[in-house]
Amino acid sequence: GMLWRMRAEEEGLAPAQAQDAVLRDNLFGLELDPRCTQIAMFALALEAWKAGGYRLLPVPNVACSGIPAKAPLKEWTALAEGDARLEAGLARLHALFRDADTLGSLIDPVRAAEHAGLESVDWDQLAPLLDKALTAEKSDDPAARASGHAAAGIARAATLLSRNYTLVCTNPPYLGRRHQAVALLNVGEAQFEEGRHDLAAMMALRCFALSGTALCLVLPQ
């Protein structure tokens, strides 16, 4: 409600136009659980329809980051067409997205591409291959399904996970190290060393990577 009123005031837009603009340009969401992703989509659509009347809406930028990749590794690496560095980058990304139902928004595609020592590869080179690999995955995007649009699959979440944002708000999960699954332990050791003892701290560090500008987190302290 606040965002569309700001755009209506600044740009002289009608309420429905401003709401559509916010859904298209300003508001983004990632959620681990598919059903919660659907609820978020319905909530956004319902709010827009209540305030501006029923119409076909832009697909909100909401995605489920908890849909695991299921294709074999060789199908991903084949997209590199023999380039060893691209193959290694795709292998790193495959390992992360394979555990997406555990890692969710902790997945950082850009870091996996560009912070791998001698095997680093520019994200701009790897991004089109990742998009092709994830688009080919045979999994539904619950957000797109809820809105009645064609499913975009995991590629939708990967795109949102690779961007930077002005403000990141979340209520992260709290989970101590001794209760974490192996996939969480490994990612904590590799990417979130300072926060590895609690999932909330790992999420806070991930949010810093998504936005160095402003964060709003519900933390135990």
C-alpha atoms as a PDB file:
ATOM      1  CA  GLY A   1       0.000   0.000   0.000  1.00  0.00           C
ATOM      2  CA  MET A   2       2.783   2.446   0.845  1.00  0.00           C
ATOM      3  CA  LEU A   3       4.764   1.728  -2.319  1.00  0.00           C
ATOM      4  CA  TRP A   4       1.942   2.218  -4.796  1.00  0.00           C
ATOM      5  CA  ARG A   5       0.833   5.443  -3.110  1.00  0.00           C
ATOM      6  CA  MET A   6       4.391   6.764  -3.399  1.00  0.00           C
ATOM      7  CA  ARG A   7       4.453   6.020  -7.116  1.00  0.00           C
ATOM      8  CA  ALA A   8       0.975   7.454  -7.647  1.00  0.00           C
ATOM      9  CA  GLU A   9       2.031  10.686  -5.918  1.00  0.00           C
ATOM     10  CA  GLU A  10       5.407  11.033  -7.639  1.00  0.00           C
ATOM     11  CA  GLU A  11       4.360  10.004 -11.140  1.00  0.00           C
ATOM     12  CA  GLY A  12       0.715  11.064 -11.283  1.00  0.00           C
ATOM     13  CA  LEU A  13      -0.487   7.504 -11.842  1.00  0.00           C
ATOM     14  CA  ALA A  14      -3.981   6.151 -11.256  1.00  0.00           C
ATOM     15  CA  PRO A  15      -4.161   3.637  -8.382  1.00  0.00           C
ATOM     16  CA  ALA A  16      -4.340   0.581 -10.643  1.00  0.00           C
ATOM     17  CA  GLN A  17      -1.441   1.841 -12.757  1.00  0.00           C
ATOM     18  CA  ALA A  18       0.669   2.493  -9.671  1.00  0.00           C
ATOM     19  CA  GLN A  19      -0.111  -0.926  -8.200  1.00  0.00           C
ATOM     20  CA  ASP A  20       0.836  -2.659 -11.441  1.00  0.00           C
ATOM     21  CA  ALA A  21       4.072  -0.654 -11.565  1.00  0.00           C
ATOM     22  CA  VAL A  22       5.015  -1.716  -8.027  1.00  0.00           C
ATOM     23  CA  LEU A  23       4.319  -5.382  -8.757  1.00  0.00           C
ATOM     24  CA  ARG A  24       6.414  -5.108 -11.903  1.00  0.00           C
ATOM     25  CA  ASP A  25       9.328  -2.958 -10.684  1.00  0.00           C
ATOM     26  CA  ASN A  26       9.606  -2.543  -6.919  1.00  0.00           C
ATOM     27  CA  LEU A  27       8.494  -5.516  -4.863  1.00  0.00           C
ATOM     28  CA  PHE A  28      10.296  -8.869  -4.767  1.00  0.00           C
ATOM     29  CA  GLY A  29       9.900 -11.958  -2.611  1.00  0.00           C
ATOM     30  CA  LEU A  30      11.659 -15.280  -2.011  1.00  0.00           C
ATOM     31  CA  GLU A  31      10.232 -18.096   0.089  1.00  0.00           C
ATOM     32  CA  LEU A  32      11.499 -21.605   0.875  1.00  0.00           C
ATOM     33  CA  ASP A  33       8.094 -23.278   1.145  1.00  0.00           C
ATOM     34  CA  PRO A  34       5.995 -23.695  -2.034  1.00  0.00           C
ATOM     35  CA  ARG A  35       2.647 -23.292  -0.275  1.00  0.00           C
ATOM     36  CA  CYS A  36       3.796 -20.099   1.482  1.00  0.00           C
ATOM     37  CA  THR A  37       4.918 -18.806  -1.905  1.00  0.00           C
ATOM     38  CA  GLN A  38       1.409 -19.338  -3.235  1.00  0.00           C
ATOM     39  CA  ILE A  39      -0.088 -17.546  -0.223  1.00  0.00           C
ATOM     40  CA  ALA A  40       2.213 -14.572  -0.820  1.00  0.00           C
ATOM     41  CA  MET A  41       1.173 -14.389  -4.469  1.00  0.00           C
ATOM     42  CA  PHE A  42      -2.522 -14.522  -3.591  1.00  0.00           C
ATOM     43  CA  ALA A  43      -2.076 -11.861  -0.909  1.00  0.00           C
ATOM     44  CA  LEU A  44      -0.395  -9.449  -3.329  1.00  0.00           C
ATOM     45  CA  ALA A  45      -2.953 -10.050  -6.065  1.00  0.00           C
ATOM     46  CA  LEU A  46      -5.885  -9.697  -3.684  1.00  0.00           C
ATOM     47  CA  GLU A  47      -4.528  -6.422  -2.282  1.00  0.00           C
ATOM     48  CA  ALA A  48      -4.102  -5.012  -5.796  1.00  0.00           C
ATOM     49  CA  TRP A  49      -7.600  -6.087  -6.832  1.00  0.00           C
ATOM     50  CA  LYS A  50      -9.183  -4.677  -3.667  1.00  0.00           C
ATOM     51  CA  ALA A  51      -7.534  -1.291  -4.151  1.00  0.00           C
ATOM     52  CA  GLY A  52      -7.641  -0.947  -7.938  1.00  0.00           C
ATOM     53  CA  GLY A  53     -10.333  -3.315  -9.162  1.00  0.00           C
ATOM     54  CA  TYR A  54     -10.085  -6.705 -10.812  1.00  0.00           C
ATOM     55  CA  ARG A  55      -7.852  -6.905 -13.900  1.00  0.00           C
ATOM     56  CA  LEU A  56      -5.027  -8.991 -15.347  1.00  0.00           C
ATOM     57  CA  LEU A  57      -1.986  -8.212 -13.191  1.00  0.00           C
ATOM     58  CA  PRO A  58       1.718  -8.297 -14.008  1.00  0.00           C
ATOM     59  CA  VAL A  59       3.252 -11.488 -12.598  1.00  0.00           C
ATOM     60  CA  PRO A  60       4.553 -10.438  -9.150  1.00  0.00           C
ATOM     61  CA  ASN A  61       8.271 -10.970  -8.642  1.00  0.00           C
ATOM     62  CA  VAL A  62       7.759 -13.724  -6.070  1.00  0.00           C
ATOM     63  CA  ALA A  63       9.484 -17.090  -6.359  1.00  0.00           C
ATOM     64  CA  CYS A  64       9.997 -20.287  -4.419  1.00  0.00           C
ATOM     65  CA  SER A  65      13.696 -20.701  -3.623  1.00  0.00           C
ATOM     66  CA  GLY A  66      13.085 -24.184  -2.212  1.00  0.00           C
ATOM     67  CA  ILE A  67      12.521 -26.164  -5.419  1.00  0.00           C
ATOM     68  CA  PRO A  68      15.490 -28.538  -5.844  1.00  0.00           C
ATOM     69  CA  ALA A  69      17.118 -29.207  -9.198  1.00  0.00           C
ATOM     70  CA  LYS A  70      16.612 -32.838 -10.220  1.00  0.00           C
ATOM     71  CA  ALA A  71      18.375 -33.142 -13.567  1.00  0.00           C
ATOM     72  CA  PRO A  72      21.651 -35.127 -13.576  1.00  0.00           C
ATOM     73  CA  LEU A  73      24.865 -33.123 -13.353  1.00  0.00           C
ATOM     74  CA  LYS A  74      25.935 -34.194 -16.840  1.00  0.00           C
ATOM     75  CA  GLU A  75      22.899 -32.470 -18.364  1.00  0.00           C
ATOM     76  CA  TRP A  76      24.045 -29.195 -16.790  1.00  0.00           C
ATOM     77  CA  THR A  77      27.735 -29.487 -17.659  1.00  0.00           C
ATOM     78  CA  ALA A  78      26.903 -30.412 -21.250  1.00  0.00           C
ATOM     79  CA  LEU A  79      25.684 -26.834 -21.692  1.00  0.00           C
ATOM     80  CA  ALA A  80      29.298 -25.631 -21.269  1.00  0.00           C
ATOM     81  CA  GLU A  81      30.246 -27.302 -24.578  1.00  0.00           C
ATOM     82  CA  GLY A  82      33.627 -28.437 -23.314  1.00  0.00           C
ATOM     83  CA  ASP A  83      34.693 -25.223 -21.553  1.00  0.00           C
ATOM     84  CA  ALA A  84      36.292 -26.551 -18.360  1.00  0.00           C
ATOM     85  CA  ARG A  85      35.781 -23.372 -16.306  1.00  0.00           C
ATOM     86  CA  LEU A  86      32.122 -23.129 -17.258  1.00  0.00           C
ATOM     87  CA  GLU A  87      31.669 -26.828 -16.495  1.00  0.00           C
ATOM     88  CA  ALA A  88      33.186 -26.339 -13.039  1.00  0.00           C
ATOM     89  CA  GLY A  89      30.949 -23.328 -12.420  1.00  0.00           C
ATOM     90  CA  LEU A  90      27.843 -25.232 -13.449  1.00  0.00           C
ATOM     91  CA  ALA A  91      28.878 -28.134 -11.217  1.00  0.00           C
ATOM     92  CA  ARG A  92      29.117 -25.781  -8.218  1.00  0.00           C
ATOM     93  CA  LEU A  93      25.702 -24.321  -8.977  1.00  0.00           C
ATOM     94  CA  HIS A  94      24.195 -27.775  -9.489  1.00  0.00           C
ATOM     95  CA  ALA A  95      25.414 -28.829  -6.032  1.00  0.00           C
ATOM     96  CA  LEU A  96      23.675 -25.807  -4.494  1.00  0.00           C
ATOM     97  CA  PHE A  97      20.378 -26.019  -6.385  1.00  0.00           C
ATOM     98  CA  ARG A  98      20.213 -29.763  -5.782  1.00  0.00           C
ATOM     99  CA  ASP A  99      19.788 -28.891  -2.085  1.00  0.00           C
ATOM    100  CA  ALA A 100      17.516 -25.892  -2.659  1.00  0.00           C
ATOM    101  CA  ASP A 101      14.779 -27.336  -0.456  1.00  0.00           C
ATOM    102  CA  THR A 102      17.261 -27.065   2.449  1.00  0.00           C
ATOM    103  CA  LEU A 103      19.320 -24.010   1.476  1.00  0.00           C
ATOM    104  CA  GLY A 104      16.639 -21.773  -0.050  1.00  0.00           C
ATOM    105  CA  SER A 105      17.702 -18.127  -0.138  1.00  0.00           C
ATOM    106  CA  LEU A 106      21.159 -18.950   1.234  1.00  0.00           C
ATOM    107  CA  ILE A 107      22.032 -19.913  -2.344  1.00  0.00           C
ATOM    108  CA  ASP A 108      24.219 -17.222  -3.879  1.00  0.00           C
ATOM    109  CA  PRO A 109      24.660 -17.954  -7.600  1.00  0.00           C
ATOM    110  CA  VAL A 110      26.997 -15.005  -8.195  1.00  0.00           C
ATOM    111  CA  ARG A 111      29.343 -16.004  -5.369  1.00  0.00           C
ATOM    112  CA  ALA A 112      29.407 -19.604  -6.577  1.00  0.00           C
ATOM    113  CA  ALA A 113      30.475 -18.371  -9.996  1.00  0.00           C
ATOM    114  CA  GLU A 114      32.965 -15.651  -9.119  1.00  0.00           C
ATOM    115  CA  HIS A 115      34.513 -16.715  -5.780  1.00  0.00           C
ATOM    116  CA  ALA A 116      36.030 -20.098  -6.577  1.00  0.00           C
ATOM    117  CA  GLY A 117      39.730 -19.342  -6.816  1.00  0.00           C
ATOM    118  CA  LEU A 118      41.296 -20.450 -10.072  1.00  0.00           C
ATOM    119  CA  GLU A 119      37.974 -21.935 -11.201  1.00  0.00           C
ATOM    120  CA  SER A 120      36.141 -18.604 -10.947  1.00  0.00           C
ATOM    121  CA  VAL A 121      34.085 -17.555 -13.928  1.00  0.00           C
ATOM    122  CA  ASP A 122      32.355 -14.277 -14.686  1.00  0.00           C
ATOM    123  CA  TRP A 123      28.704 -14.395 -13.651  1.00  0.00           C
ATOM    124  CA  ASP A 124      27.613 -12.832 -16.951  1.00  0.00           C
ATOM    125  CA  GLN A 125      29.061 -15.844 -18.766  1.00  0.00           C
ATOM    126  CA  LEU A 126      27.476 -18.401 -16.477  1.00  0.00           C
ATOM    127  CA  ALA A 127      24.049 -16.796 -15.958  1.00  0.00           C
ATOM    128  CA  PRO A 128      22.605 -17.677 -19.411  1.00  0.00           C
ATOM    129  CA  LEU A 129      23.692 -21.314 -18.995  1.00  0.00           C
ATOM    130  CA  LEU A 130      22.188 -21.499 -15.508  1.00  0.00           C
ATOM    131  CA  ASP A 131      18.938 -20.054 -16.803  1.00  0.00           C
ATOM    132  CA  LYS A 132      18.866 -22.641 -19.604  1.00  0.00           C
ATOM    133  CA  ALA A 133      19.593 -25.484 -17.163  1.00  0.00           C
ATOM    134  CA  LEU A 134      16.950 -24.415 -14.654  1.00  0.00           C
ATOM    135  CA  THR A 135      14.314 -23.622 -17.271  1.00  0.00           C
ATOM    136  CA  ALA A 136      14.674 -27.193 -18.518  1.00  0.00           C
ATOM    137  CA  GLU A 137      14.007 -28.570 -15.025  1.00  0.00           C
ATOM    138  CA  LYS A 138      10.667 -30.364 -14.877  1.00  0.00           C
ATOM    139  CA  SER A 139       9.318 -28.644 -11.783  1.00  0.00           C
ATOM    140  CA  ASP A 140       6.427 -26.245 -11.382  1.00  0.00           C
ATOM    141  CA  ASP A 141       6.826 -22.742 -10.075  1.00  0.00           C
ATOM    142  CA  PRO A 142       4.074 -22.463  -7.429  1.00  0.00           C
ATOM    143  CA  ALA A 143       4.124 -18.673  -7.661  1.00  0.00           C
ATOM    144  CA  ALA A 144       3.418 -18.712 -11.383  1.00  0.00           C
ATOM    145  CA  ARG A 145       0.821 -21.441 -10.919  1.00  0.00           C
ATOM    146  CA  ALA A 146      -1.000 -19.351  -8.334  1.00  0.00           C
ATOM    147  CA  SER A 147      -1.149 -16.364 -10.669  1.00  0.00           C
ATOM    148  CA  GLY A 148      -2.341 -18.390 -13.657  1.00  0.00           C
ATOM    149  CA  HIS A 149       0.736 -17.626 -15.753  1.00  0.00           C
ATOM    150  CA  ALA A 150       3.076 -20.084 -17.409  1.00  0.00           C
ATOM    151  CA  ALA A 151       5.482 -21.697 -14.974  1.00  0.00           C
ATOM    152  CA  ALA A 152       9.009 -20.295 -14.984  1.00  0.00           C
ATOM    153  CA  GLY A 153      10.461 -23.006 -12.771  1.00  0.00           C
ATOM    154  CA  ILE A 154      13.509 -22.594 -10.562  1.00  0.00           C
ATOM    155  CA  ALA A 155      15.019 -20.117 -13.020  1.00  0.00           C
ATOM    156  CA  ARG A 156      12.701 -17.476 -11.578  1.00  0.00           C
ATOM    157  CA  ALA A 157      14.178 -17.884  -8.095  1.00  0.00           C
ATOM    158  CA  ALA A 158      17.744 -17.980  -9.447  1.00  0.00           C
ATOM    159  CA  THR A 159      17.222 -14.623 -11.122  1.00  0.00           C
ATOM    160  CA  LEU A 160      15.972 -13.029  -7.893  1.00  0.00           C
ATOM    161  CA  LEU A 161      18.814 -14.616  -5.893  1.00  0.00           C
ATOM    162  CA  SER A 162      21.417 -13.057  -8.194  1.00  0.00           C
ATOM    163  CA  ARG A 163      20.158  -9.470  -7.913  1.00  0.00           C
ATOM    164  CA  ASN A 164      20.826  -6.611  -5.481  1.00  0.00           C
ATOM    165  CA  TYR A 165      18.073  -4.747  -3.635  1.00  0.00           C
ATOM    166  CA  THR A 166      17.574  -1.395  -1.944  1.00  0.00           C
ATOM    167  CA  LEU A 167      15.959  -2.913   1.162  1.00  0.00           C
ATOM    168  CA  VAL A 168      15.802  -6.504   2.410  1.00  0.00           C
ATOM    169  CA  CYS A 169      13.255  -7.457   5.093  1.00  0.00           C
ATOM    170  CA  THR A 170      12.848 -10.917   6.595  1.00  0.00           C
ATOM    171  CA  ASN A 171      12.165 -12.941   9.700  1.00  0.00           C
ATOM    172  CA  PRO A 172      14.936 -15.549   9.404  1.00  0.00           C
ATOM    173  CA  PRO A 173      14.706 -19.054  10.869  1.00  0.00           C
ATOM    174  CA  TYR A 174      16.696 -19.807  14.024  1.00  0.00           C
ATOM    175  CA  LEU A 175      18.550 -23.125  14.060  1.00  0.00           C
ATOM    176  CA  GLY A 176      21.692 -23.921  16.007  1.00  0.00           C
ATOM    177  CA  ARG A 177      24.607 -25.680  14.374  1.00  0.00           C
ATOM    178  CA  ARG A 178      24.080 -29.017  16.100  1.00  0.00           C
ATOM    179  CA  HIS A 179      20.594 -29.274  14.593  1.00  0.00           C
ATOM    180  CA  GLN A 180      21.569 -28.306  11.045  1.00  0.00           C
ATOM    181  CA  ALA A 181      21.464 -30.728   8.124  1.00  0.00           C
ATOM    182  CA  VAL A 182      24.701 -31.641   6.380  1.00  0.00           C
ATOM    183  CA  ALA A 183      23.957 -29.321   3.451  1.00  0.00           C
ATOM    184  CA  LEU A 184      23.559 -26.367   5.846  1.00  0.00           C
ATOM    185  CA  LEU A 185      26.729 -27.269   7.731  1.00  0.00           C
ATOM    186  CA  ASN A 186      28.736 -27.411   4.507  1.00  0.00           C
ATOM    187  CA  VAL A 187      27.456 -24.085   3.191  1.00  0.00           C
ATOM    188  CA  GLY A 188      28.001 -22.497   6.594  1.00  0.00           C
ATOM    189  CA  GLU A 189      31.627 -23.598   6.642  1.00  0.00           C
ATOM    190  CA  ALA A 190      32.266 -22.550   3.065  1.00  0.00           C
ATOM    191  CA  GLN A 191      30.394 -19.247   2.788  1.00  0.00           C
ATOM    192  CA  PHE A 192      29.204 -18.001   6.185  1.00  0.00           C
ATOM    193  CA  GLU A 193      32.037 -18.824   8.566  1.00  0.00           C
ATOM    194  CA  GLU A 194      31.302 -15.959  10.969  1.00  0.00           C
ATOM    195  CA  GLY A 195      27.620 -16.903  11.222  1.00  0.00           C
ATOM    196  CA  ARG A 196      27.791 -20.676  10.854  1.00  0.00           C
ATOM    197  CA  HIS A 197      26.789 -21.364  14.476  1.00  0.00           C
ATOM    198  CA  ASP A 198      23.186 -20.246  13.866  1.00  0.00           C
ATOM    199  CA  LEU A 199      21.050 -20.204  10.749  1.00  0.00           C
ATOM    200  CA  ALA A 200      19.702 -16.738  11.595  1.00  0.00           C
ATOM    201  CA  ALA A 201      23.239 -15.331  11.491  1.00  0.00           C
ATOM    202  CA  MET A 202      23.898 -17.069   8.184  1.00  0.00           C
ATOM    203  CA  MET A 203      20.718 -15.520   6.800  1.00  0.00           C
ATOM    204  CA  ALA A 204      21.784 -12.096   8.064  1.00  0.00           C
ATOM    205  CA  LEU A 205      25.088 -12.388   6.213  1.00  0.00           C
ATOM    206  CA  ARG A 206      23.246 -13.495   3.072  1.00  0.00           C
ATOM    207  CA  CYS A 207      20.986 -10.453   3.335  1.00  0.00           C
ATOM    208  CA  PHE A 208      24.051  -8.207   3.527  1.00  0.00           C
ATOM    209  CA  ALA A 209      25.097  -9.660   0.166  1.00  0.00           C
ATOM    210  CA  LEU A 210      21.625  -8.983  -1.281  1.00  0.00           C
ATOM    211  CA  SER A 211      21.614  -5.404   0.011  1.00  0.00           C
ATOM    212  CA  GLY A 212      24.463  -3.434   1.505  1.00  0.00           C
ATOM    213  CA  THR A 213      22.076  -0.473   1.802  1.00  0.00           C
ATOM    214  CA  ALA A 214      19.360  -1.344   4.307  1.00  0.00           C
ATOM    215  CA  LEU A 215      18.263  -4.444   6.186  1.00  0.00           C
ATOM    216  CA  CYS A 216      15.318  -5.131   8.470  1.00  0.00           C
ATOM    217  CA  LEU A 217      15.766  -8.456  10.279  1.00  0.00           C
ATOM    218  CA  VAL A 218      14.070 -10.055  13.270  1.00  0.00           C
ATOM    219  CA  LEU A 219      17.041 -11.442  15.236  1.00  0.00           C
ATOM    220  CA  PRO A 220      17.251 -13.010  18.717  1.00  0.00           C
ATOM    221  CA  GLN A 221      19.099  -9.948  20.080  1.00  0.00           C
END
